[in-house]
Amino acid sequence: MRQRIFWYVGGAIALGFLQKLLFDRLLIFGAKPDALLLLTVWIARREGQSLGTTAGFFIGLLMDLLHGTMGLDSFAKTVSGFVAGFFADPDDLGKVSNFILATALAALFGTSAYELVSTAMQAPLLKWTLLAVATSLYNLPFAYLFFEGAKRFS
């Protein structure tokens, strides 16, 4: 367990810089791929809901430090880790469909939480809903690639 935590921390730091330097520039209609969301979902499915929620908070805090927006990413990744934790099942860790579904729902709820808080709940319903759905769909191909790559290391 302790060794996996070191891998998670190292992966979060590496993916955080990769997110900041590369993935934040791949915008399509305001949606961007979220590598740290994928790590949060991976941790939540593998370790359980409480550790996934905690990991989401600390991963979000790392992104807050990199972006300079304190609290927004922490809250969004905490929500994402909580939602993804519902898919924690030790017998189904090898199923890509469960990982993709967990990623889609975690991205949907996490992006919704981020947009609602960042706009102080003043954004039109249609705008943040479309952004949340677009982000959720945009993350799915990256979720498949992440799952296949991470499966080799576990």
Protein backbone atom coordinates (compact mmCIF):
# COMPACT_ATOMS: atom_id res chain seq x y z
CA MET A 1 0.00 0.00 0.00
CA ARG A 2 2.77 2.44 0.93
CA GLN A 3 4.57 1.79 -2.35
CA ARG A 4 1.39 2.48 -4.33
CA ILE A 5 0.94 5.80 -2.52
CA PHE A 6 4.44 6.86 -3.61
CA TRP A 7 3.54 5.91 -7.19
CA TYR A 8 0.29 7.90 -6.92
CA VAL A 9 2.10 10.99 -5.61
CA GLY A 10 4.79 10.77 -8.28
CA GLY A 11 2.18 10.19 -10.97
CA ALA A 12 0.12 13.14 -9.74
CA ILE A 13 3.10 15.48 -9.87
CA ALA A 14 4.14 14.29 -13.34
CA LEU A 15 0.59 14.40 -14.69
CA GLY A 16 0.04 17.81 -13.08
CA PHE A 17 2.88 19.34 -15.04
CA LEU A 18 1.82 17.47 -18.18
CA GLN A 19 -1.70 18.82 -17.69
CA LYS A 20 -0.47 22.36 -17.22
CA LEU A 21 2.01 22.31 -20.11
CA LEU A 22 0.15 20.21 -22.71
CA PHE A 23 -3.44 19.19 -22.01
CA ASP A 24 -4.65 22.65 -21.01
CA ARG A 25 -3.89 23.76 -24.56
CA LEU A 26 -6.09 21.11 -26.23
CA LEU A 27 -9.34 23.04 -25.88
CA ILE A 28 -12.36 22.08 -27.98
CA PHE A 29 -15.43 24.24 -27.32
CA GLY A 30 -14.08 25.09 -23.88
CA ALA A 31 -13.57 21.43 -22.92
CA LYS A 32 -10.11 20.04 -22.24
CA PRO A 33 -8.80 16.60 -21.38
CA ASP A 34 -8.06 16.12 -17.70
CA ALA A 35 -5.20 13.72 -16.97
CA LEU A 36 -5.51 14.22 -13.22
CA LEU A 37 -9.19 13.30 -13.35
CA LEU A 38 -8.13 9.96 -14.83
CA LEU A 39 -5.66 9.41 -12.00
CA THR A 40 -8.35 10.33 -9.48
CA VAL A 41 -10.76 7.82 -11.01
CA TRP A 42 -8.04 5.16 -11.09
CA ILE A 43 -7.27 5.67 -7.40
CA ALA A 44 -10.95 5.77 -6.40
CA ARG A 45 -11.73 2.55 -8.26
CA ARG A 46 -8.67 0.75 -6.95
CA GLU A 47 -8.52 1.98 -3.35
CA GLY A 48 -12.16 2.81 -2.55
CA GLN A 49 -14.36 5.84 -2.19
CA SER A 50 -12.83 7.43 0.91
CA LEU A 51 -9.25 7.27 -0.39
CA GLY A 52 -10.45 8.34 -3.85
CA THR A 53 -12.18 11.37 -2.37
CA THR A 54 -9.09 12.27 -0.33
CA ALA A 55 -6.81 11.75 -3.33
CA GLY A 56 -9.13 13.93 -5.39
CA PHE A 57 -8.81 16.71 -2.87
CA PHE A 58 -5.00 16.60 -2.82
CA ILE A 59 -4.76 16.23 -6.60
CA GLY A 60 -7.09 19.20 -6.95
CA LEU A 61 -4.96 21.14 -4.48
CA LEU A 62 -1.92 20.44 -6.65
CA MET A 63 -3.79 21.80 -9.67
CA ASP A 64 -4.91 24.82 -7.66
CA LEU A 65 -1.28 25.56 -6.87
CA LEU A 66 -0.31 25.22 -10.54
CA HIS A 67 -3.24 27.31 -11.82
CA GLY A 68 -3.34 29.87 -9.03
CA THR A 69 -7.05 29.38 -8.28
CA MET A 70 -7.31 28.19 -4.71
CA GLY A 71 -10.21 25.90 -3.96
CA LEU A 72 -11.90 25.37 -7.31
CA ASP A 73 -9.96 22.36 -8.53
CA SER A 74 -9.83 20.89 -5.01
CA PHE A 75 -13.60 20.94 -4.79
CA ALA A 76 -14.12 19.60 -8.32
CA LYS A 77 -11.64 16.74 -7.93
CA THR A 78 -13.08 15.87 -4.51
CA VAL A 79 -16.51 15.54 -6.11
CA SER A 80 -14.99 13.51 -8.96
CA GLY A 81 -13.22 11.16 -6.56
CA PHE A 82 -16.41 10.70 -4.57
CA VAL A 83 -18.45 9.86 -7.68
CA ALA A 84 -15.79 7.52 -9.07
CA GLY A 85 -15.62 5.74 -5.72
CA PHE A 86 -19.06 4.29 -6.36
CA PHE A 87 -17.42 2.13 -9.03
CA ALA A 88 -14.82 0.65 -6.68
CA ASP A 89 -15.10 -3.12 -7.03
CA PRO A 90 -12.01 -5.31 -6.61
CA ASP A 91 -13.49 -7.94 -8.91
CA ASP A 92 -14.03 -5.52 -11.81
CA LEU A 93 -10.73 -3.60 -11.85
CA GLY A 94 -9.80 -5.08 -15.22
CA LYS A 95 -12.96 -3.98 -17.03
CA VAL A 96 -12.40 -0.96 -19.24
CA SER A 97 -16.14 -0.28 -19.53
CA ASN A 98 -16.47 0.35 -15.79
CA PHE A 99 -13.46 2.68 -15.85
CA ILE A 100 -14.85 4.63 -18.79
CA LEU A 101 -18.29 4.92 -17.16
CA ALA A 102 -16.71 6.06 -13.89
CA THR A 103 -14.62 8.59 -15.80
CA ALA A 104 -17.62 9.93 -17.71
CA LEU A 105 -19.71 10.43 -14.58
CA ALA A 106 -16.80 11.81 -12.53
CA ALA A 107 -16.01 14.30 -15.32
CA LEU A 108 -19.66 15.28 -15.61
CA PHE A 109 -20.15 15.93 -11.90
CA GLY A 110 -16.67 17.39 -11.34
CA THR A 111 -16.97 19.83 -14.24
CA SER A 112 -20.47 20.80 -13.13
CA ALA A 113 -19.21 21.51 -9.62
CA TYR A 114 -16.27 23.52 -10.98
CA GLU A 115 -18.44 25.62 -13.29
CA LEU A 116 -21.12 26.27 -10.70
CA VAL A 117 -18.63 27.45 -8.09
CA SER A 118 -16.40 29.41 -10.48
CA THR A 119 -19.32 31.40 -11.87
CA ALA A 120 -20.94 31.81 -8.44
CA MET A 121 -23.97 29.92 -9.79
CA GLN A 122 -24.68 32.74 -12.26
CA ALA A 123 -23.94 30.81 -15.45
CA PRO A 124 -26.90 29.76 -17.57
CA LEU A 125 -27.94 26.15 -17.08
CA LEU A 126 -27.48 25.27 -20.73
CA LYS A 127 -23.93 26.68 -20.85
CA TRP A 128 -22.43 24.72 -17.97
CA THR A 129 -24.41 21.60 -18.85
CA LEU A 130 -23.04 21.60 -22.39
CA LEU A 131 -19.52 22.22 -21.10
CA ALA A 132 -19.84 19.37 -18.58
CA VAL A 133 -21.12 16.96 -21.24
CA ALA A 134 -18.43 18.05 -23.72
CA THR A 135 -15.69 17.60 -21.11
CA SER A 136 -17.08 14.21 -20.15
CA LEU A 137 -17.12 13.00 -23.76
CA TYR A 138 -13.73 14.55 -24.55
CA ASN A 139 -12.10 12.63 -21.70
CA LEU A 140 -13.33 9.20 -22.84
CA PRO A 141 -10.65 8.46 -25.49
CA PHE A 142 -7.98 9.59 -23.03
CA ALA A 143 -9.59 7.37 -20.37
CA TYR A 144 -9.22 4.34 -22.61
CA LEU A 145 -5.56 5.11 -23.34
CA PHE A 146 -4.86 5.81 -19.65
CA PHE A 147 -6.56 2.57 -18.60
CA GLU A 148 -4.62 0.45 -21.05
CA GLY A 149 -1.34 2.10 -20.05
CA ALA A 150 -1.94 2.00 -16.29
CA LYS A 151 -3.12 -1.61 -16.45
CA ARG A 152 0.38 -2.65 -17.49
CA PHE A 153 1.88 -1.11 -14.32
CA SER A 154 -0.53 -2.63 -11.80
